[in-house]
Amino acid sequence: MNSSALDDGPEPPLDPMMERVQRKLRKLLLVSSLIMVAGFVAVFAAIFYRISQDDAAAPATELAVEIPSGATVRSAAATGDRITLVVEGPDGKTSVHVFDAGSGARLQTVTVGTGAPAAPTAQ
């Protein structure tokens, strides 16, 4: 009982047609494996390129802007060349101030309230 059920002895040779099919399958396997390896190399090269690339962002600068005295900044956002501040004044009114990021000049002020609609003021 030493022999296994799967060990039937030497395999009979394949017919020539099956040998050709087996060769074609080996070639296809080789080609697909090479394509997969090339894909992995491309992905890792792209990751390495992005990691090693120097982020030449604009240097950080200080910018002073004027808001009404006694006001509190509720939120701030920077988009492109503009800085937007949502400010709550001492009287409880909320206003949105838009500034130029380069010069700090006020571009627009919008007052948000429940009364009559206020037109934006450009300064």
PDB file of N, CA and C in Angstrom:
ATOM      1  N   MET A   1       0.797  -1.189   0.000  1.00  0.00           N
ATOM      2  CA  MET A   1       0.000   0.000   0.000  1.00  0.00           C
ATOM      3  C   MET A   1       0.841   1.256   0.000  1.00  0.00           C
ATOM      4  N   ASN A   2       2.015   1.178  -0.524  1.00  0.00           N
ATOM      5  CA  ASN A   2       2.865   2.352  -0.591  1.00  0.00           C
ATOM      6  C   ASN A   2       2.547   3.232  -1.786  1.00  0.00           C
ATOM      7  N   SER A   3       1.960   2.700  -2.830  1.00  0.00           N
ATOM      8  CA  SER A   3       1.705   3.499  -4.020  1.00  0.00           C
ATOM      9  C   SER A   3       0.428   4.308  -3.844  1.00  0.00           C
ATOM     10  N   SER A   4       0.459   5.504  -4.358  1.00  0.00           N
ATOM     11  CA  SER A   4      -0.675   6.408  -4.258  1.00  0.00           C
ATOM     12  C   SER A   4      -1.645   6.121  -5.389  1.00  0.00           C
ATOM     13  N   ALA A   5      -2.881   6.553  -5.215  1.00  0.00           N
ATOM     14  CA  ALA A   5      -3.895   6.359  -6.246  1.00  0.00           C
ATOM     15  C   ALA A   5      -3.610   7.242  -7.448  1.00  0.00           C
ATOM     16  N   LEU A   6      -2.884   8.343  -7.246  1.00  0.00           N
ATOM     17  CA  LEU A   6      -2.571   9.255  -8.331  1.00  0.00           C
ATOM     18  C   LEU A   6      -1.304   8.847  -9.085  1.00  0.00           C
ATOM     19  N   ASP A   7      -0.530   7.984  -8.526  1.00  0.00           N
ATOM     20  CA  ASP A   7       0.722   7.550  -9.136  1.00  0.00           C
ATOM     21  C   ASP A   7       0.457   6.313  -9.981  1.00  0.00           C
ATOM     22  N   ASP A   8       0.146   6.541 -11.249  1.00  0.00           N
ATOM     23  CA  ASP A   8      -0.161   5.438 -12.148  1.00  0.00           C
ATOM     24  C   ASP A   8       1.052   5.015 -12.959  1.00  0.00           C
ATOM     25  N   GLY A   9       2.153   5.620 -12.727  1.00  0.00           N
ATOM     26  CA  GLY A   9       3.339   5.286 -13.497  1.00  0.00           C
ATOM     27  C   GLY A   9       3.632   6.393 -14.491  1.00  0.00           C
ATOM     28  N   PRO A  10       4.470   6.131 -15.459  1.00  0.00           N
ATOM     29  CA  PRO A  10       4.831   7.170 -16.419  1.00  0.00           C
ATOM     30  C   PRO A  10       3.627   7.574 -17.275  1.00  0.00           C
ATOM     31  N   GLU A  11       3.574   8.871 -17.588  1.00  0.00           N
ATOM     32  CA  GLU A  11       2.470   9.386 -18.403  1.00  0.00           C
ATOM     33  C   GLU A  11       2.705   9.031 -19.860  1.00  0.00           C
ATOM     34  N   PRO A  12       1.647   8.725 -20.571  1.00  0.00           N
ATOM     35  CA  PRO A  12       1.816   8.454 -21.995  1.00  0.00           C
ATOM     36  C   PRO A  12       2.122   9.746 -22.732  1.00  0.00           C
ATOM     37  N   PRO A  13       2.888   9.719 -23.797  1.00  0.00           N
ATOM     38  CA  PRO A  13       3.219  10.943 -24.526  1.00  0.00           C
ATOM     39  C   PRO A  13       1.961  11.554 -25.151  1.00  0.00           C
ATOM     40  N   LEU A  14       1.970  12.897 -25.220  1.00  0.00           N
ATOM     41  CA  LEU A  14       0.848  13.597 -25.812  1.00  0.00           C
ATOM     42  C   LEU A  14       0.901  13.490 -27.325  1.00  0.00           C
ATOM     43  N   ASP A  15      -0.267  13.569 -27.942  1.00  0.00           N
ATOM     44  CA  ASP A  15      -0.268  13.574 -29.397  1.00  0.00           C
ATOM     45  C   ASP A  15       0.245  14.921 -29.887  1.00  0.00           C
ATOM     46  N   PRO A  16       0.726  15.034 -31.113  1.00  0.00           N
ATOM     47  CA  PRO A  16       1.349  16.264 -31.611  1.00  0.00           C
ATOM     48  C   PRO A  16       0.432  17.489 -31.534  1.00  0.00           C
ATOM     49  N   MET A  17      -0.854  17.319 -31.731  1.00  0.00           N
ATOM     50  CA  MET A  17      -1.786  18.462 -31.669  1.00  0.00           C
ATOM     51  C   MET A  17      -1.846  19.036 -30.253  1.00  0.00           C
ATOM     52  N   MET A  18      -1.896  18.186 -29.255  1.00  0.00           N
ATOM     53  CA  MET A  18      -1.943  18.647 -27.871  1.00  0.00           C
ATOM     54  C   MET A  18      -0.613  19.282 -27.463  1.00  0.00           C
ATOM     55  N   GLU A  19       0.495  18.796 -28.000  1.00  0.00           N
ATOM     56  CA  GLU A  19       1.784  19.418 -27.706  1.00  0.00           C
ATOM     57  C   GLU A  19       1.836  20.840 -28.246  1.00  0.00           C
ATOM     58  N   ARG A  20       1.287  21.067 -29.442  1.00  0.00           N
ATOM     59  CA  ARG A  20       1.229  22.425 -30.002  1.00  0.00           C
ATOM     60  C   ARG A  20       0.361  23.341 -29.137  1.00  0.00           C
ATOM     61  N   VAL A  21      -0.767  22.827 -28.672  1.00  0.00           N
ATOM     62  CA  VAL A  21      -1.647  23.613 -27.805  1.00  0.00           C
ATOM     63  C   VAL A  21      -0.922  23.954 -26.507  1.00  0.00           C
ATOM     64  N   GLN A  22      -0.185  22.974 -25.970  1.00  0.00           N
ATOM     65  CA  GLN A  22       0.557  23.210 -24.732  1.00  0.00           C
ATOM     66  C   GLN A  22       1.648  24.264 -24.942  1.00  0.00           C
ATOM     67  N   ARG A  23       2.344  24.243 -26.078  1.00  0.00           N
ATOM     68  CA  ARG A  23       3.361  25.254 -26.375  1.00  0.00           C
ATOM     69  C   ARG A  23       2.732  26.638 -26.486  1.00  0.00           C
ATOM     70  N   LYS A  24       1.582  26.718 -27.177  1.00  0.00           N
ATOM     71  CA  LYS A  24       0.895  28.008 -27.314  1.00  0.00           C
ATOM     72  C   LYS A  24       0.478  28.548 -25.952  1.00  0.00           C
ATOM     73  N   LEU A  25      -0.028  27.679 -25.084  1.00  0.00           N
ATOM     74  CA  LEU A  25      -0.428  28.115 -23.747  1.00  0.00           C
ATOM     75  C   LEU A  25       0.765  28.607 -22.934  1.00  0.00           C
ATOM     76  N   ARG A  26       1.909  27.947 -23.088  1.00  0.00           N
ATOM     77  CA  ARG A  26       3.104  28.410 -22.384  1.00  0.00           C
ATOM     78  C   ARG A  26       3.533  29.783 -22.875  1.00  0.00           C
ATOM     79  N   LYS A  27       3.461  30.014 -24.206  1.00  0.00           N
ATOM     80  CA  LYS A  27       3.805  31.326 -24.760  1.00  0.00           C
ATOM     81  C   LYS A  27       2.836  32.399 -24.254  1.00  0.00           C
ATOM     82  N   LEU A  28       1.545  32.075 -24.246  1.00  0.00           N
ATOM     83  CA  LEU A  28       0.558  33.038 -23.743  1.00  0.00           C
ATOM     84  C   LEU A  28       0.788  33.363 -22.272  1.00  0.00           C
ATOM     85  N   LEU A  29       1.128  32.356 -21.494  1.00  0.00           N
ATOM     86  CA  LEU A  29       1.418  32.571 -20.087  1.00  0.00           C
ATOM     87  C   LEU A  29       2.634  33.469 -19.915  1.00  0.00           C
ATOM     88  N   LEU A  30       3.668  33.238 -20.712  1.00  0.00           N
ATOM     89  CA  LEU A  30       4.866  34.061 -20.649  1.00  0.00           C
ATOM     90  C   LEU A  30       4.559  35.510 -21.026  1.00  0.00           C
ATOM     91  N   VAL A  31       3.803  35.707 -22.105  1.00  0.00           N
ATOM     92  CA  VAL A  31       3.470  37.063 -22.550  1.00  0.00           C
ATOM     93  C   VAL A  31       2.631  37.779 -21.502  1.00  0.00           C
ATOM     94  N   SER A  32       1.611  37.114 -20.964  1.00  0.00           N
ATOM     95  CA  SER A  32       0.764  37.774 -19.965  1.00  0.00           C
ATOM     96  C   SER A  32       1.538  38.064 -18.682  1.00  0.00           C
ATOM     97  N   SER A  33       2.459  37.189 -18.312  1.00  0.00           N
ATOM     98  CA  SER A  33       3.283  37.450 -17.125  1.00  0.00           C
ATOM     99  C   SER A  33       4.187  38.654 -17.348  1.00  0.00           C
ATOM    100  N   LEU A  34       4.775  38.763 -18.540  1.00  0.00           N
ATOM    101  CA  LEU A  34       5.622  39.919 -18.838  1.00  0.00           C
ATOM    102  C   LEU A  34       4.823  41.216 -18.832  1.00  0.00           C
ATOM    103  N   ILE A  35       3.609  41.187 -19.363  1.00  0.00           N
ATOM    104  CA  ILE A  35       2.758  42.382 -19.353  1.00  0.00           C
ATOM    105  C   ILE A  35       2.423  42.771 -17.921  1.00  0.00           C
ATOM    106  N   MET A  36       2.125  41.803 -17.071  1.00  0.00           N
ATOM    107  CA  MET A  36       1.803  42.087 -15.679  1.00  0.00           C
ATOM    108  C   MET A  36       3.015  42.679 -14.950  1.00  0.00           C
ATOM    109  N   VAL A  37       4.185  42.132 -15.183  1.00  0.00           N
ATOM    110  CA  VAL A  37       5.401  42.666 -14.554  1.00  0.00           C
ATOM    111  C   VAL A  37       5.661  44.090 -15.040  1.00  0.00           C
ATOM    112  N   ALA A  38       5.474  44.335 -16.330  1.00  0.00           N
ATOM    113  CA  ALA A  38       5.656  45.694 -16.861  1.00  0.00           C
ATOM    114  C   ALA A  38       4.656  46.664 -16.226  1.00  0.00           C
ATOM    115  N   GLY A  39       3.438  46.217 -15.995  1.00  0.00           N
ATOM    116  CA  GLY A  39       2.446  47.059 -15.328  1.00  0.00           C
ATOM    117  C   GLY A  39       2.856  47.405 -13.908  1.00  0.00           C
ATOM    118  N   PHE A  40       3.346  46.406 -13.163  1.00  0.00           N
ATOM    119  CA  PHE A  40       3.823  46.665 -11.801  1.00  0.00           C
ATOM    120  C   PHE A  40       4.991  47.646 -11.797  1.00  0.00           C
ATOM    121  N   VAL A  41       5.913  47.467 -12.729  1.00  0.00           N
ATOM    122  CA  VAL A  41       7.051  48.384 -12.820  1.00  0.00           C
ATOM    123  C   VAL A  41       6.565  49.797 -13.105  1.00  0.00           C
ATOM    124  N   ALA A  42       5.588  49.941 -13.999  1.00  0.00           N
ATOM    125  CA  ALA A  42       5.065  51.273 -14.322  1.00  0.00           C
ATOM    126  C   ALA A  42       4.388  51.912 -13.116  1.00  0.00           C
ATOM    127  N   VAL A  43       3.615  51.138 -12.373  1.00  0.00           N
ATOM    128  CA  VAL A  43       2.933  51.681 -11.182  1.00  0.00           C
ATOM    129  C   VAL A  43       3.954  52.110 -10.137  1.00  0.00           C
ATOM    130  N   PHE A  44       4.929  51.275  -9.857  1.00  0.00           N
ATOM    131  CA  PHE A  44       5.934  51.639  -8.857  1.00  0.00           C
ATOM    132  C   PHE A  44       6.795  52.816  -9.323  1.00  0.00           C
ATOM    133  N   ALA A  45       7.069  52.900 -10.614  1.00  0.00           N
ATOM    134  CA  ALA A  45       7.817  54.051 -11.126  1.00  0.00           C
ATOM    135  C   ALA A  45       7.002  55.333 -10.950  1.00  0.00           C
ATOM    136  N   ALA A  46       5.709  55.277 -11.202  1.00  0.00           N
ATOM    137  CA  ALA A  46       4.869  56.461 -11.025  1.00  0.00           C
ATOM    138  C   ALA A  46       4.803  56.871  -9.555  1.00  0.00           C
ATOM    139  N   ILE A  47       4.689  55.904  -8.659  1.00  0.00           N
ATOM    140  CA  ILE A  47       4.672  56.210  -7.219  1.00  0.00           C
ATOM    141  C   ILE A  47       5.999  56.824  -6.801  1.00  0.00           C
ATOM    142  N   PHE A  48       7.113  56.241  -7.222  1.00  0.00           N
ATOM    143  CA  PHE A  48       8.426  56.779  -6.876  1.00  0.00           C
ATOM    144  C   PHE A  48       8.603  58.186  -7.427  1.00  0.00           C
ATOM    145  N   TYR A  49       8.136  58.425  -8.651  1.00  0.00           N
ATOM    146  CA  TYR A  49       8.250  59.749  -9.267  1.00  0.00           C
ATOM    147  C   TYR A  49       7.474  60.788  -8.456  1.00  0.00           C
ATOM    148  N   ARG A  50       6.264  60.437  -8.046  1.00  0.00           N
ATOM    149  CA  ARG A  50       5.457  61.390  -7.270  1.00  0.00           C
ATOM    150  C   ARG A  50       6.040  61.650  -5.894  1.00  0.00           C
ATOM    151  N   ILE A  51       6.616  60.623  -5.291  1.00  0.00           N
ATOM    152  CA  ILE A  51       7.206  60.803  -3.961  1.00  0.00           C
ATOM    153  C   ILE A  51       8.459  61.659  -4.038  1.00  0.00           C
ATOM    154  N   SER A  52       9.281  61.417  -5.058  1.00  0.00           N
ATOM    155  CA  SER A  52      10.562  62.113  -5.139  1.00  0.00           C
ATOM    156  C   SER A  52      10.452  63.497  -5.766  1.00  0.00           C
ATOM    157  N   GLN A  53       9.301  63.827  -6.332  1.00  0.00           N
ATOM    158  CA  GLN A  53       9.140  65.132  -6.969  1.00  0.00           C
ATOM    159  C   GLN A  53       9.115  66.223  -5.904  1.00  0.00           C
ATOM    160  N   ASP A  54       9.841  67.290  -6.162  1.00  0.00           N
ATOM    161  CA  ASP A  54       9.917  68.403  -5.217  1.00  0.00           C
ATOM    162  C   ASP A  54       8.648  69.237  -5.336  1.00  0.00           C
ATOM    163  N   ASP A  55       7.953  69.396  -4.214  1.00  0.00           N
ATOM    164  CA  ASP A  55       6.758  70.228  -4.206  1.00  0.00           C
ATOM    165  C   ASP A  55       7.182  71.687  -4.157  1.00  0.00           C
ATOM    166  N   ALA A  56       7.227  72.305  -5.312  1.00  0.00           N
ATOM    167  CA  ALA A  56       7.656  73.695  -5.404  1.00  0.00           C
ATOM    168  C   ALA A  56       6.441  74.604  -5.284  1.00  0.00           C
ATOM    169  N   ALA A  57       5.760  74.494  -4.165  1.00  0.00           N
ATOM    170  CA  ALA A  57       4.598  75.350  -3.923  1.00  0.00           C
ATOM    171  C   ALA A  57       5.091  76.762  -3.625  1.00  0.00           C
ATOM    172  N   ALA A  58       4.179  77.683  -3.720  1.00  0.00           N
ATOM    173  CA  ALA A  58       4.528  79.072  -3.428  1.00  0.00           C
ATOM    174  C   ALA A  58       5.011  79.174  -1.990  1.00  0.00           C
ATOM    175  N   PRO A  59       6.029  79.949  -1.768  1.00  0.00           N
ATOM    176  CA  PRO A  59       6.532  80.077  -0.400  1.00  0.00           C
ATOM    177  C   PRO A  59       5.482  80.723   0.503  1.00  0.00           C
ATOM    178  N   ALA A  60       5.456  80.274   1.742  1.00  0.00           N
ATOM    179  CA  ALA A  60       4.489  80.809   2.691  1.00  0.00           C
ATOM    180  C   ALA A  60       4.844  82.257   3.006  1.00  0.00           C
ATOM    181  N   THR A  61       3.851  83.100   2.958  1.00  0.00           N
ATOM    182  CA  THR A  61       4.052  84.509   3.276  1.00  0.00           C
ATOM    183  C   THR A  61       3.020  84.927   4.312  1.00  0.00           C
ATOM    184  N   GLU A  62       3.354  85.957   5.032  1.00  0.00           N
ATOM    185  CA  GLU A  62       2.414  86.509   5.999  1.00  0.00           C
ATOM    186  C   GLU A  62       1.590  87.569   5.305  1.00  0.00           C
ATOM    187  N   LEU A  63       0.321  87.612   5.653  1.00  0.00           N
ATOM    188  CA  LEU A  63      -0.594  88.552   5.038  1.00  0.00           C
ATOM    189  C   LEU A  63      -1.489  89.104   6.132  1.00  0.00           C
ATOM    190  N   ALA A  64      -1.540  90.412   6.260  1.00  0.00           N
ATOM    191  CA  ALA A  64      -2.392  91.043   7.262  1.00  0.00           C
ATOM    192  C   ALA A  64      -3.596  91.657   6.560  1.00  0.00           C
ATOM    193  N   VAL A  65      -4.787  91.309   7.027  1.00  0.00           N
ATOM    194  CA  VAL A  65      -6.018  91.862   6.480  1.00  0.00           C
ATOM    195  C   VAL A  65      -6.798  92.514   7.610  1.00  0.00           C
ATOM    196  N   GLU A  66      -7.599  93.496   7.259  1.00  0.00           N
ATOM    197  CA  GLU A  66      -8.369  94.246   8.253  1.00  0.00           C
ATOM    198  C   GLU A  66      -9.800  93.720   8.301  1.00  0.00           C
ATOM    199  N   ILE A  67     -10.269  93.402   9.518  1.00  0.00           N
ATOM    200  CA  ILE A  67     -11.673  93.079   9.725  1.00  0.00           C
ATOM    201  C   ILE A  67     -12.203  94.057  10.768  1.00  0.00           C
ATOM    202  N   PRO A  68     -13.521  94.224  10.834  1.00  0.00           N
ATOM    203  CA  PRO A  68     -14.066  95.175  11.805  1.00  0.00           C
ATOM    204  C   PRO A  68     -13.620  94.844  13.231  1.00  0.00           C
ATOM    205  N   SER A  69     -13.408  95.893  14.054  1.00  0.00           N
ATOM    206  CA  SER A  69     -12.957  95.655  15.428  1.00  0.00           C
ATOM    207  C   SER A  69     -14.078  94.978  16.214  1.00  0.00           C
ATOM    208  N   GLY A  70     -13.696  94.047  17.060  1.00  0.00           N
ATOM    209  CA  GLY A  70     -14.658  93.293  17.851  1.00  0.00           C
ATOM    210  C   GLY A  70     -15.272  92.129  17.094  1.00  0.00           C
ATOM    211  N   ALA A  71     -14.913  91.952  15.835  1.00  0.00           N
ATOM    212  CA  ALA A  71     -15.468  90.864  15.027  1.00  0.00           C
ATOM    213  C   ALA A  71     -14.694  89.576  15.271  1.00  0.00           C
ATOM    214  N   THR A  72     -15.348  88.458  15.000  1.00  0.00           N
ATOM    215  CA  THR A  72     -14.740  87.145  15.177  1.00  0.00           C
ATOM    216  C   THR A  72     -14.763  86.402  13.844  1.00  0.00           C
ATOM    217  N   VAL A  73     -13.621  85.836  13.468  1.00  0.00           N
ATOM    218  CA  VAL A  73     -13.551  85.048  12.237  1.00  0.00           C
ATOM    219  C   VAL A  73     -14.138  83.673  12.533  1.00  0.00           C
ATOM    220  N   ARG A  74     -15.185  83.306  11.790  1.00  0.00           N
ATOM    221  CA  ARG A  74     -15.856  82.006  11.973  1.00  0.00           C
ATOM    222  C   ARG A  74     -15.285  80.930  11.058  1.00  0.00           C
ATOM    223  N   SER A  75     -14.857  81.319   9.855  1.00  0.00           N
ATOM    224  CA  SER A  75     -14.207  80.355   8.975  1.00  0.00           C
ATOM    225  C   SER A  75     -13.361  81.103   7.959  1.00  0.00           C
ATOM    226  N   ALA A  76     -12.417  80.388   7.392  1.00  0.00           N
ATOM    227  CA  ALA A  76     -11.522  80.963   6.389  1.00  0.00           C
ATOM    228  C   ALA A  76     -11.252  79.912   5.327  1.00  0.00           C
ATOM    229  N   ALA A  77     -11.119  80.383   4.092  1.00  0.00           N
ATOM    230  CA  ALA A  77     -10.806  79.472   2.992  1.00  0.00           C
ATOM    231  C   ALA A  77      -9.915  80.193   2.002  1.00  0.00           C
ATOM    232  N   ALA A  78      -8.959  79.467   1.445  1.00  0.00           N
ATOM    233  CA  ALA A  78      -8.070  80.017   0.422  1.00  0.00           C
ATOM    234  C   ALA A  78      -8.281  79.222  -0.854  1.00  0.00           C
ATOM    235  N   THR A  79      -8.605  79.926  -1.930  1.00  0.00           N
ATOM    236  CA  THR A  79      -8.831  79.284  -3.221  1.00  0.00           C
ATOM    237  C   THR A  79      -8.116  80.087  -4.281  1.00  0.00           C
ATOM    238  N   GLY A  80      -7.109  79.486  -4.879  1.00  0.00           N
ATOM    239  CA  GLY A  80      -6.375  80.176  -5.933  1.00  0.00           C
ATOM    240  C   GLY A  80      -5.727  81.440  -5.405  1.00  0.00           C
ATOM    241  N   ASP A  81      -6.125  82.590  -5.951  1.00  0.00           N
ATOM    242  CA  ASP A  81      -5.536  83.866  -5.534  1.00  0.00           C
ATOM    243  C   ASP A  81      -6.469  84.662  -4.635  1.00  0.00           C
ATOM    244  N   ARG A  82      -7.434  83.981  -3.990  1.00  0.00           N
ATOM    245  CA  ARG A  82      -8.377  84.678  -3.116  1.00  0.00           C
ATOM    246  C   ARG A  82      -8.452  84.012  -1.748  1.00  0.00           C
ATOM    247  N   ILE A  83      -8.675  84.857  -0.740  1.00  0.00           N
ATOM    248  CA  ILE A  83      -8.890  84.385   0.620  1.00  0.00           C
ATOM    249  C   ILE A  83     -10.271  84.860   1.035  1.00  0.00           C
ATOM    250  N   THR A  84     -11.077  83.940   1.544  1.00  0.00           N
ATOM    251  CA  THR A  84     -12.431  84.275   1.959  1.00  0.00           C
ATOM    252  C   THR A  84     -12.552  84.065   3.461  1.00  0.00           C
ATOM    253  N   LEU A  85     -13.050  85.099   4.157  1.00  0.00           N
ATOM    254  CA  LEU A  85     -13.266  85.017   5.594  1.00  0.00           C
ATOM    255  C   LEU A  85     -14.746  85.207   5.884  1.00  0.00           C
ATOM    256  N   VAL A  86     -15.303  84.343   6.725  1.00  0.00           N
ATOM    257  CA  VAL A  86     -16.665  84.535   7.229  1.00  0.00           C
ATOM    258  C   VAL A  86     -16.499  85.116   8.622  1.00  0.00           C
ATOM    259  N   VAL A  87     -17.039  86.324   8.802  1.00  0.00           N
ATOM    260  CA  VAL A  87     -16.806  87.090  10.022  1.00  0.00           C
ATOM    261  C   VAL A  87     -18.144  87.379  10.693  1.00  0.00           C
ATOM    262  N   GLU A  88     -18.173  87.202  12.019  1.00  0.00           N
ATOM    263  CA  GLU A  88     -19.349  87.586  12.800  1.00  0.00           C
ATOM    264  C   GLU A  88     -18.996  88.854  13.563  1.00  0.00           C
ATOM    265  N   GLY A  89     -19.751  89.905  13.285  1.00  0.00           N
ATOM    266  CA  GLY A  89     -19.483  91.198  13.905  1.00  0.00           C
ATOM    267  C   GLY A  89     -19.942  91.244  15.354  1.00  0.00           C
ATOM    268  N   PRO A  90     -19.586  92.317  16.065  1.00  0.00           N
ATOM    269  CA  PRO A  90     -19.973  92.437  17.465  1.00  0.00           C
ATOM    270  C   PRO A  90     -21.490  92.570  17.627  1.00  0.00           C
ATOM    271  N   ASP A  91     -22.177  93.026  16.566  1.00  0.00           N
ATOM    272  CA  ASP A  91     -23.633  93.152  16.623  1.00  0.00           C
ATOM    273  C   ASP A  91     -24.344  91.859  16.244  1.00  0.00           C
ATOM    274  N   GLY A  92     -23.607  90.784  15.936  1.00  0.00           N
ATOM    275  CA  GLY A  92     -24.188  89.493  15.609  1.00  0.00           C
ATOM    276  C   GLY A  92     -24.409  89.271  14.125  1.00  0.00           C
ATOM    277  N   LYS A  93     -24.183  90.290  13.306  1.00  0.00           N
ATOM    278  CA  LYS A  93     -24.361  90.121  11.866  1.00  0.00           C
ATOM    279  C   LYS A  93     -23.162  89.382  11.281  1.00  0.00           C
ATOM    280  N   THR A  94     -23.460  88.552  10.297  1.00  0.00           N
ATOM    281  CA  THR A  94     -22.411  87.776   9.633  1.00  0.00           C
ATOM    282  C   THR A  94     -22.107  88.412   8.289  1.00  0.00           C
ATOM    283  N   SER A  95     -20.834  88.487   7.978  1.00  0.00           N
ATOM    284  CA  SER A  95     -20.434  89.027   6.683  1.00  0.00           C
ATOM    285  C   SER A  95     -19.315  88.157   6.107  1.00  0.00           C
ATOM    286  N   VAL A  96     -19.255  88.171   4.784  1.00  0.00           N
ATOM    287  CA  VAL A  96     -18.231  87.408   4.069  1.00  0.00           C
ATOM    288  C   VAL A  96     -17.296  88.410   3.404  1.00  0.00           C
ATOM    289  N   HIS A  97     -16.009  88.309   3.707  1.00  0.00           N
ATOM    290  CA  HIS A  97     -15.006  89.217   3.169  1.00  0.00           C
ATOM    291  C   HIS A  97     -14.089  88.430   2.228  1.00  0.00           C
ATOM    292  N   VAL A  98     -13.895  88.956   1.025  1.00  0.00           N
ATOM    293  CA  VAL A  98     -13.029  88.319   0.038  1.00  0.00           C
ATOM    294  C   VAL A  98     -11.818  89.226  -0.175  1.00  0.00           C
ATOM    295  N   PHE A  99     -10.624  88.637  -0.020  1.00  0.00           N
ATOM    296  CA  PHE A  99      -9.380  89.391  -0.141  1.00  0.00           C
ATOM    297  C   PHE A  99      -8.518  88.797  -1.246  1.00  0.00           C
ATOM    298  N   ASP A 100      -7.675  89.640  -1.845  1.00  0.00           N
ATOM    299  CA  ASP A 100      -6.671  89.184  -2.796  1.00  0.00           C
ATOM    300  C   ASP A 100      -5.528  88.574  -2.003  1.00  0.00           C
ATOM    301  N   ALA A 101      -5.135  87.350  -2.352  1.00  0.00           N
ATOM    302  CA  ALA A 101      -4.097  86.654  -1.586  1.00  0.00           C
ATOM    303  C   ALA A 101      -2.726  87.285  -1.769  1.00  0.00           C
ATOM    304  N   GLY A 102      -2.488  87.931  -2.891  1.00  0.00           N
ATOM    305  CA  GLY A 102      -1.176  88.520  -3.134  1.00  0.00           C
ATOM    306  C   GLY A 102      -0.963  89.831  -2.403  1.00  0.00           C
ATOM    307  N   SER A 103      -1.961  90.714  -2.474  1.00  0.00           N
ATOM    308  CA  SER A 103      -1.789  92.050  -1.916  1.00  0.00           C
ATOM    309  C   SER A 103      -2.503  92.251  -0.589  1.00  0.00           C
ATOM    310  N   GLY A 104      -3.489  91.440  -0.298  1.00  0.00           N
ATOM    311  CA  GLY A 104      -4.264  91.618   0.922  1.00  0.00           C
ATOM    312  C   GLY A 104      -5.386  92.627   0.763  1.00  0.00           C
ATOM    313  N   ALA A 105      -5.582  93.136  -0.448  1.00  0.00           N
ATOM    314  CA  ALA A 105      -6.634  94.122  -0.681  1.00  0.00           C
ATOM    315  C   ALA A 105      -7.998  93.455  -0.615  1.00  0.00           C
ATOM    316  N   ARG A 106      -8.947  94.155  -0.010  1.00  0.00           N
ATOM    317  CA  ARG A 106     -10.309  93.644   0.078  1.00  0.00           C
ATOM    318  C   ARG A 106     -10.965  93.774  -1.289  1.00  0.00           C
ATOM    319  N   LEU A 107     -11.468  92.672  -1.822  1.00  0.00           N
ATOM    320  CA  LEU A 107     -12.111  92.676  -3.128  1.00  0.00           C
ATOM    321  C   LEU A 107     -13.619  92.839  -3.009  1.00  0.00           C
ATOM    322  N   GLN A 108     -14.205  92.219  -1.978  1.00  0.00           N
ATOM    323  CA  GLN A 108     -15.653  92.243  -1.862  1.00  0.00           C
ATOM    324  C   GLN A 108     -16.066  91.945  -0.430  1.00  0.00           C
ATOM    325  N   THR A 109     -17.186  92.549  -0.001  1.00  0.00           N
ATOM    326  CA  THR A 109     -17.776  92.257   1.291  1.00  0.00           C
ATOM    327  C   THR A 109     -19.262  92.024   1.085  1.00  0.00           C
ATOM    328  N   VAL A 110     -19.754  90.920   1.604  1.00  0.00           N
ATOM    329  CA  VAL A 110     -21.170  90.593   1.512  1.00  0.00           C
ATOM    330  C   VAL A 110     -21.690  90.437   2.928  1.00  0.00           C
ATOM    331  N   THR A 111     -22.747  91.194   3.278  1.00  0.00           N
ATOM    332  CA  THR A 111     -23.352  91.100   4.594  1.00  0.00           C
ATOM    333  C   THR A 111     -24.531  90.148   4.517  1.00  0.00           C
ATOM    334  N   VAL A 112     -24.549  89.187   5.419  1.00  0.00           N
ATOM    335  CA  VAL A 112     -25.609  88.190   5.449  1.00  0.00           C
ATOM    336  C   VAL A 112     -26.530  88.539   6.600  1.00  0.00           C
ATOM    337  N   GLY A 113     -27.814  88.693   6.291  1.00  0.00           N
ATOM    338  CA  GLY A 113     -28.771  89.035   7.334  1.00  0.00           C
ATOM    339  C   GLY A 113     -30.164  88.597   6.948  1.00  0.00           C
ATOM    340  N   THR A 114     -31.123  88.833   7.849  1.00  0.00           N
ATOM    341  CA  THR A 114     -32.496  88.420   7.589  1.00  0.00           C
ATOM    342  C   THR A 114     -33.345  89.562   7.060  1.00  0.00           C
ATOM    343  N   GLY A 115     -32.806  90.767   6.997  1.00  0.00           N
ATOM    344  CA  GLY A 115     -33.549  91.921   6.505  1.00  0.00           C
ATOM    345  C   GLY A 115     -33.585  91.964   4.998  1.00  0.00           C
ATOM    346  N   ALA A 116     -33.661  93.169   4.452  1.00  0.00           N
ATOM    347  CA  ALA A 116     -33.674  93.362   2.996  1.00  0.00           C
ATOM    348  C   ALA A 116     -32.352  92.902   2.426  1.00  0.00           C
ATOM    349  N   PRO A 117     -32.370  92.361   1.210  1.00  0.00           N
ATOM    350  CA  PRO A 117     -31.117  91.896   0.617  1.00  0.00           C
ATOM    351  C   PRO A 117     -30.147  93.046   0.419  1.00  0.00           C
ATOM    352  N   ALA A 118     -28.920  92.812   0.818  1.00  0.00           N
ATOM    353  CA  ALA A 118     -27.880  93.831   0.684  1.00  0.00           C
ATOM    354  C   ALA A 118     -27.055  93.528  -0.552  1.00  0.00           C
ATOM    355  N   ALA A 119     -26.729  94.561  -1.294  1.00  0.00           N
ATOM    356  CA  ALA A 119     -25.896  94.404  -2.472  1.00  0.00           C
ATOM    357  C   ALA A 119     -24.440  94.273  -2.033  1.00  0.00           C
ATOM    358  N   PRO A 120     -23.662  93.469  -2.703  1.00  0.00           N
ATOM    359  CA  PRO A 120     -22.249  93.354  -2.340  1.00  0.00           C
ATOM    360  C   PRO A 120     -21.530  94.666  -2.593  1.00  0.00           C
ATOM    361  N   THR A 121     -20.599  94.965  -1.724  1.00  0.00           N
ATOM    362  CA  THR A 121     -19.839  96.211  -1.878  1.00  0.00           C
ATOM    363  C   THR A 121     -18.425  95.884  -2.294  1.00  0.00           C
ATOM    364  N   ALA A 122     -17.991  96.544  -3.338  1.00  0.00           N
ATOM    365  CA  ALA A 122     -16.603  96.379  -3.783  1.00  0.00           C
ATOM    366  C   ALA A 122     -15.775  97.503  -3.235  1.00  0.00           C
ATOM    367  N   GLN A 123     -14.614  97.152  -2.694  1.00  0.00           N
ATOM    368  CA  GLN A 123     -13.753  98.184  -2.115  1.00  0.00           C
ATOM    369  C   GLN A 123     -12.385  98.114  -2.708  1.00  0.00           C
TER     370      GLN A 123
END
